């Protein structure tokens, strides 16, 4: 009987080891999905903290333009074709205007405010922020074509 117990003991030990390894394998994905919890970063601070800290920092700047969505002017440049065409906006002195420019060429926008501002852009996407310091009507135009993109009433 003793010889029968030895192979049985080996089999039971192998099954127990397989179960332990299987449960360890399921814990690892749980740790991968749990970095947002406070217990996991304490276990592996070197690996999870930089990733977790970087994600909220990146999310915060994205929220700021959303808050200023009413003060965002999306400009599209395709060769000599530009849009919008003479869009009218109203802002207060001290308000920030976010220019989101998507272009297939390099160029420059002139913002005829006091002080006058020049916004250079290249092919691709460019974001520029402008704060209006003085009241009046501000014309935003494309330098190359003279095309008026927007008129901003600053009050």
C-alpha atoms as a PDB file:
ATOM      1  CA  UNK A   1       0.000   0.000   0.000  1.00  0.00           C
ATOM      2  CA  UNK A   2       2.812   2.340   0.716  1.00  0.00           C
ATOM      3  CA  UNK A   3       3.940   2.216  -2.921  1.00  0.00           C
ATOM      4  CA  UNK A   4       0.410   3.177  -4.026  1.00  0.00           C
ATOM      5  CA  UNK A   5       0.315   6.156  -1.682  1.00  0.00           C
ATOM      6  CA  UNK A   6       3.523   7.620  -3.036  1.00  0.00           C
ATOM      7  CA  UNK A   7       2.257   8.037  -6.630  1.00  0.00           C
ATOM      8  CA  UNK A   8      -1.076   9.238  -5.249  1.00  0.00           C
ATOM      9  CA  UNK A   9       0.704  11.734  -2.996  1.00  0.00           C
ATOM     10  CA  UNK A  10       2.725  12.950  -5.975  1.00  0.00           C
ATOM     11  CA  UNK A  11      -0.454  13.366  -8.032  1.00  0.00           C
ATOM     12  CA  UNK A  12      -2.235  15.244  -5.232  1.00  0.00           C
ATOM     13  CA  UNK A  13       0.802  17.497  -4.789  1.00  0.00           C
ATOM     14  CA  UNK A  14       0.926  18.175  -8.539  1.00  0.00           C
ATOM     15  CA  UNK A  15      -2.790  19.051  -8.631  1.00  0.00           C
ATOM     16  CA  UNK A  16      -2.396  21.327  -5.592  1.00  0.00           C
ATOM     17  CA  UNK A  17       0.574  23.059  -7.220  1.00  0.00           C
ATOM     18  CA  UNK A  18      -1.396  23.529 -10.429  1.00  0.00           C
ATOM     19  CA  UNK A  19      -4.274  25.078  -8.470  1.00  0.00           C
ATOM     20  CA  UNK A  20      -1.910  27.432  -6.657  1.00  0.00           C
ATOM     21  CA  UNK A  21      -0.328  28.482  -9.955  1.00  0.00           C
ATOM     22  CA  UNK A  22      -3.734  28.922 -11.563  1.00  0.00           C
ATOM     23  CA  UNK A  23      -4.906  31.109  -8.701  1.00  0.00           C
ATOM     24  CA  UNK A  24      -1.690  33.126  -8.922  1.00  0.00           C
ATOM     25  CA  UNK A  25      -2.316  33.633 -12.627  1.00  0.00           C
ATOM     26  CA  UNK A  26      -5.786  34.997 -11.911  1.00  0.00           C
ATOM     27  CA  UNK A  27      -4.397  37.340  -9.224  1.00  0.00           C
ATOM     28  CA  UNK A  28      -1.999  38.948 -11.687  1.00  0.00           C
ATOM     29  CA  UNK A  29      -4.762  40.172 -14.025  1.00  0.00           C
ATOM     30  CA  UNK A  30      -6.673  41.367 -10.968  1.00  0.00           C
ATOM     31  CA  UNK A  31      -3.612  43.440 -10.011  1.00  0.00           C
ATOM     32  CA  UNK A  32      -3.396  44.727 -13.591  1.00  0.00           C
ATOM     33  CA  UNK A  33      -7.014  45.855 -13.463  1.00  0.00           C
ATOM     34  CA  UNK A  34      -6.710  47.224  -9.915  1.00  0.00           C
ATOM     35  CA  UNK A  35      -3.982  49.917 -10.274  1.00  0.00           C
ATOM     36  CA  UNK A  36      -6.662  52.522  -9.660  1.00  0.00           C
ATOM     37  CA  UNK A  37      -7.170  51.147  -6.152  1.00  0.00           C
ATOM     38  CA  UNK A  38      -5.038  52.547  -3.364  1.00  0.00           C
ATOM     39  CA  UNK A  39      -3.738  49.139  -2.212  1.00  0.00           C
ATOM     40  CA  UNK A  40      -1.967  48.187  -5.457  1.00  0.00           C
ATOM     41  CA  UNK A  41       0.264  51.283  -5.769  1.00  0.00           C
ATOM     42  CA  UNK A  42       1.487  50.657  -2.219  1.00  0.00           C
ATOM     43  CA  UNK A  43       2.518  47.131  -3.246  1.00  0.00           C
ATOM     44  CA  UNK A  44       4.432  48.207  -6.403  1.00  0.00           C
ATOM     45  CA  UNK A  45       5.064  51.958  -6.095  1.00  0.00           C
ATOM     46  CA  UNK A  46       7.899  52.033  -8.628  1.00  0.00           C
ATOM     47  CA  UNK A  47       5.869  50.482 -11.420  1.00  0.00           C
ATOM     48  CA  UNK A  48       2.326  51.803 -10.946  1.00  0.00           C
ATOM     49  CA  UNK A  49       2.711  55.307  -9.477  1.00  0.00           C
ATOM     50  CA  UNK A  50       4.339  56.975 -12.532  1.00  0.00           C
ATOM     51  CA  UNK A  51       1.678  55.560 -14.831  1.00  0.00           C
ATOM     52  CA  UNK A  52      -1.202  56.433 -12.541  1.00  0.00           C
ATOM     53  CA  UNK A  53       0.125  59.912 -11.782  1.00  0.00           C
ATOM     54  CA  UNK A  54       0.747  60.630 -15.478  1.00  0.00           C
ATOM     55  CA  UNK A  55      -2.799  59.688 -16.485  1.00  0.00           C
ATOM     56  CA  UNK A  56      -4.573  62.191 -14.191  1.00  0.00           C
ATOM     57  CA  UNK A  57      -2.095  64.939 -15.148  1.00  0.00           C
ATOM     58  CA  UNK A  58      -2.794  64.305 -18.832  1.00  0.00           C
ATOM     59  CA  UNK A  59      -6.548  64.254 -18.214  1.00  0.00           C
ATOM     60  CA  UNK A  60      -6.550  67.619 -16.425  1.00  0.00           C
ATOM     61  CA  UNK A  61      -5.343  69.674 -19.452  1.00  0.00           C
ATOM     62  CA  UNK A  62      -7.941  67.958 -21.628  1.00  0.00           C
ATOM     63  CA  UNK A  63     -10.680  69.108 -19.236  1.00  0.00           C
ATOM     64  CA  UNK A  64      -9.637  72.773 -19.423  1.00  0.00           C
ATOM     65  CA  UNK A  65     -10.433  73.187 -23.142  1.00  0.00           C
ATOM     66  CA  UNK A  66     -13.767  71.422 -22.537  1.00  0.00           C
ATOM     67  CA  UNK A  67     -14.629  74.055 -19.906  1.00  0.00           C
ATOM     68  CA  UNK A  68     -13.733  76.755 -22.453  1.00  0.00           C
ATOM     69  CA  UNK A  69     -15.604  74.965 -25.250  1.00  0.00           C
ATOM     70  CA  UNK A  70     -17.738  78.069 -25.787  1.00  0.00           C
ATOM     71  CA  UNK A  71     -14.536  80.035 -26.320  1.00  0.00           C
ATOM     72  CA  UNK A  72     -13.029  77.624 -28.841  1.00  0.00           C
ATOM     73  CA  UNK A  73     -12.759  78.483 -32.526  1.00  0.00           C
ATOM     74  CA  UNK A  74     -12.089  75.476 -34.743  1.00  0.00           C
ATOM     75  CA  UNK A  75     -10.356  76.565 -37.945  1.00  0.00           C
ATOM     76  CA  UNK A  76      -9.881  74.261 -40.931  1.00  0.00           C
ATOM     77  CA  UNK A  77      -7.389  75.148 -43.672  1.00  0.00           C
ATOM     78  CA  UNK A  78      -7.326  73.161 -46.916  1.00  0.00           C
ATOM     79  CA  UNK A  79      -5.111  74.995 -49.389  1.00  0.00           C
ATOM     80  CA  UNK A  80      -6.782  78.352 -50.001  1.00  0.00           C
ATOM     81  CA  UNK A  81     -10.106  77.147 -48.614  1.00  0.00           C
ATOM     82  CA  UNK A  82     -10.724  78.097 -44.979  1.00  0.00           C
ATOM     83  CA  UNK A  83     -13.562  77.698 -42.532  1.00  0.00           C
ATOM     84  CA  UNK A  84     -15.340  79.157 -40.719  1.00  0.00           C
ATOM     85  CA  UNK A  85     -16.231  82.151 -42.836  1.00  0.00           C
ATOM     86  CA  UNK A  86     -16.723  85.324 -40.789  1.00  0.00           C
ATOM     87  CA  UNK A  87     -17.938  83.536 -37.668  1.00  0.00           C
ATOM     88  CA  UNK A  88     -19.197  85.961 -35.024  1.00  0.00           C
ATOM     89  CA  UNK A  89     -18.275  85.525 -31.383  1.00  0.00           C
ATOM     90  CA  UNK A  90     -18.714  87.599 -28.245  1.00  0.00           C
ATOM     91  CA  UNK A  91     -16.212  87.500 -25.369  1.00  0.00           C
ATOM     92  CA  UNK A  92     -15.409  89.617 -22.352  1.00  0.00           C
ATOM     93  CA  UNK A  93     -12.143  91.409 -21.678  1.00  0.00           C
ATOM     94  CA  UNK A  94      -9.838  88.882 -20.029  1.00  0.00           C
ATOM     95  CA  UNK A  95     -11.526  85.885 -21.676  1.00  0.00           C
ATOM     96  CA  UNK A  96      -9.368  83.313 -23.398  1.00  0.00           C
ATOM     97  CA  UNK A  97     -10.012  82.223 -26.979  1.00  0.00           C
ATOM     98  CA  UNK A  98      -8.696  78.778 -27.893  1.00  0.00           C
ATOM     99  CA  UNK A  99      -7.829  78.452 -31.593  1.00  0.00           C
ATOM    100  CA  UNK A 100      -7.863  74.834 -32.776  1.00  0.00           C
ATOM    101  CA  UNK A 101      -6.319  74.893 -36.259  1.00  0.00           C
ATOM    102  CA  UNK A 102      -6.312  71.832 -38.525  1.00  0.00           C
ATOM    103  CA  UNK A 103      -4.365  72.523 -41.701  1.00  0.00           C
ATOM    104  CA  UNK A 104      -2.799  70.864 -44.715  1.00  0.00           C
ATOM    105  CA  UNK A 105      -0.241  73.668 -45.049  1.00  0.00           C
ATOM    106  CA  UNK A 106       1.805  76.100 -43.011  1.00  0.00           C
ATOM    107  CA  UNK A 107       0.492  79.609 -42.545  1.00  0.00           C
ATOM    108  CA  UNK A 108      -0.229  82.457 -40.189  1.00  0.00           C
ATOM    109  CA  UNK A 109      -3.363  83.955 -38.701  1.00  0.00           C
ATOM    110  CA  UNK A 110      -3.489  87.638 -37.825  1.00  0.00           C
ATOM    111  CA  UNK A 111      -5.529  88.562 -34.770  1.00  0.00           C
ATOM    112  CA  UNK A 112      -6.188  92.297 -35.102  1.00  0.00           C
ATOM    113  CA  UNK A 113      -6.528  93.087 -31.422  1.00  0.00           C
ATOM    114  CA  UNK A 114      -4.629  95.428 -29.119  1.00  0.00           C
ATOM    115  CA  UNK A 115      -1.943  94.126 -28.909  1.00  0.00           C
ATOM    116  CA  UNK A 116      -1.919  92.536 -32.343  1.00  0.00           C
ATOM    117  CA  UNK A 117      -1.186  88.798 -32.328  1.00  0.00           C
ATOM    118  CA  UNK A 118       0.235  86.488 -34.986  1.00  0.00           C
ATOM    119  CA  UNK A 119      -0.494  82.780 -34.798  1.00  0.00           C
ATOM    120  CA  UNK A 120       1.782  80.584 -36.873  1.00  0.00           C
ATOM    121  CA  UNK A 121       0.638  77.084 -37.736  1.00  0.00           C
ATOM    122  CA  UNK A 122       1.986  74.150 -39.683  1.00  0.00           C
ATOM    123  CA  UNK A 123       0.452  71.152 -41.371  1.00  0.00           C
ATOM    124  CA  UNK A 124      -1.511  69.096 -38.882  1.00  0.00           C
ATOM    125  CA  UNK A 125      -3.131  70.351 -35.705  1.00  0.00           C
ATOM    126  CA  UNK A 126      -2.118  73.514 -33.824  1.00  0.00           C
ATOM    127  CA  UNK A 127      -3.642  74.873 -30.616  1.00  0.00           C
ATOM    128  CA  UNK A 128      -3.118  78.487 -29.590  1.00  0.00           C
ATOM    129  CA  UNK A 129      -4.626  80.431 -26.698  1.00  0.00           C
ATOM    130  CA  UNK A 130      -5.254  84.179 -26.874  1.00  0.00           C
ATOM    131  CA  UNK A 131      -6.430  86.432 -24.044  1.00  0.00           C
ATOM    132  CA  UNK A 132      -8.163  89.646 -25.073  1.00  0.00           C
ATOM    133  CA  UNK A 133      -6.953  92.607 -23.011  1.00  0.00           C
ATOM    134  CA  UNK A 134      -8.974  95.428 -24.605  1.00  0.00           C
ATOM    135  CA  UNK A 135     -12.574  95.870 -25.760  1.00  0.00           C
ATOM    136  CA  UNK A 136     -13.466  96.238 -29.409  1.00  0.00           C
ATOM    137  CA  UNK A 137     -14.078  94.268 -32.587  1.00  0.00           C
ATOM    138  CA  UNK A 138     -11.271  91.817 -33.316  1.00  0.00           C
ATOM    139  CA  UNK A 139     -10.838  90.432 -36.827  1.00  0.00           C
ATOM    140  CA  UNK A 140      -9.074  87.085 -37.259  1.00  0.00           C
ATOM    141  CA  UNK A 141      -7.773  86.552 -40.789  1.00  0.00           C
ATOM    142  CA  UNK A 142      -5.518  84.234 -42.739  1.00  0.00           C
ATOM    143  CA  UNK A 143      -2.360  86.115 -43.742  1.00  0.00           C
ATOM    144  CA  UNK A 144      -1.850  84.297 -47.067  1.00  0.00           C
ATOM    145  CA  UNK A 145      -5.367  84.750 -48.441  1.00  0.00           C
ATOM    146  CA  UNK A 146      -6.668  87.722 -46.428  1.00  0.00           C
ATOM    147  CA  UNK A 147      -9.721  85.548 -45.698  1.00  0.00           C
ATOM    148  CA  UNK A 148     -11.655  86.700 -42.573  1.00  0.00           C
ATOM    149  CA  UNK A 149     -12.243  83.680 -40.381  1.00  0.00           C
ATOM    150  CA  UNK A 150     -13.961  85.343 -37.430  1.00  0.00           C
ATOM    151  CA  UNK A 151     -15.087  88.626 -35.918  1.00  0.00           C
ATOM    152  CA  UNK A 152     -14.903  88.699 -32.134  1.00  0.00           C
ATOM    153  CA  UNK A 153     -16.781  91.327 -30.128  1.00  0.00           C
ATOM    154  CA  UNK A 154     -14.751  91.890 -26.955  1.00  0.00           C
ATOM    155  CA  UNK A 155     -16.694  93.742 -24.249  1.00  0.00           C
END
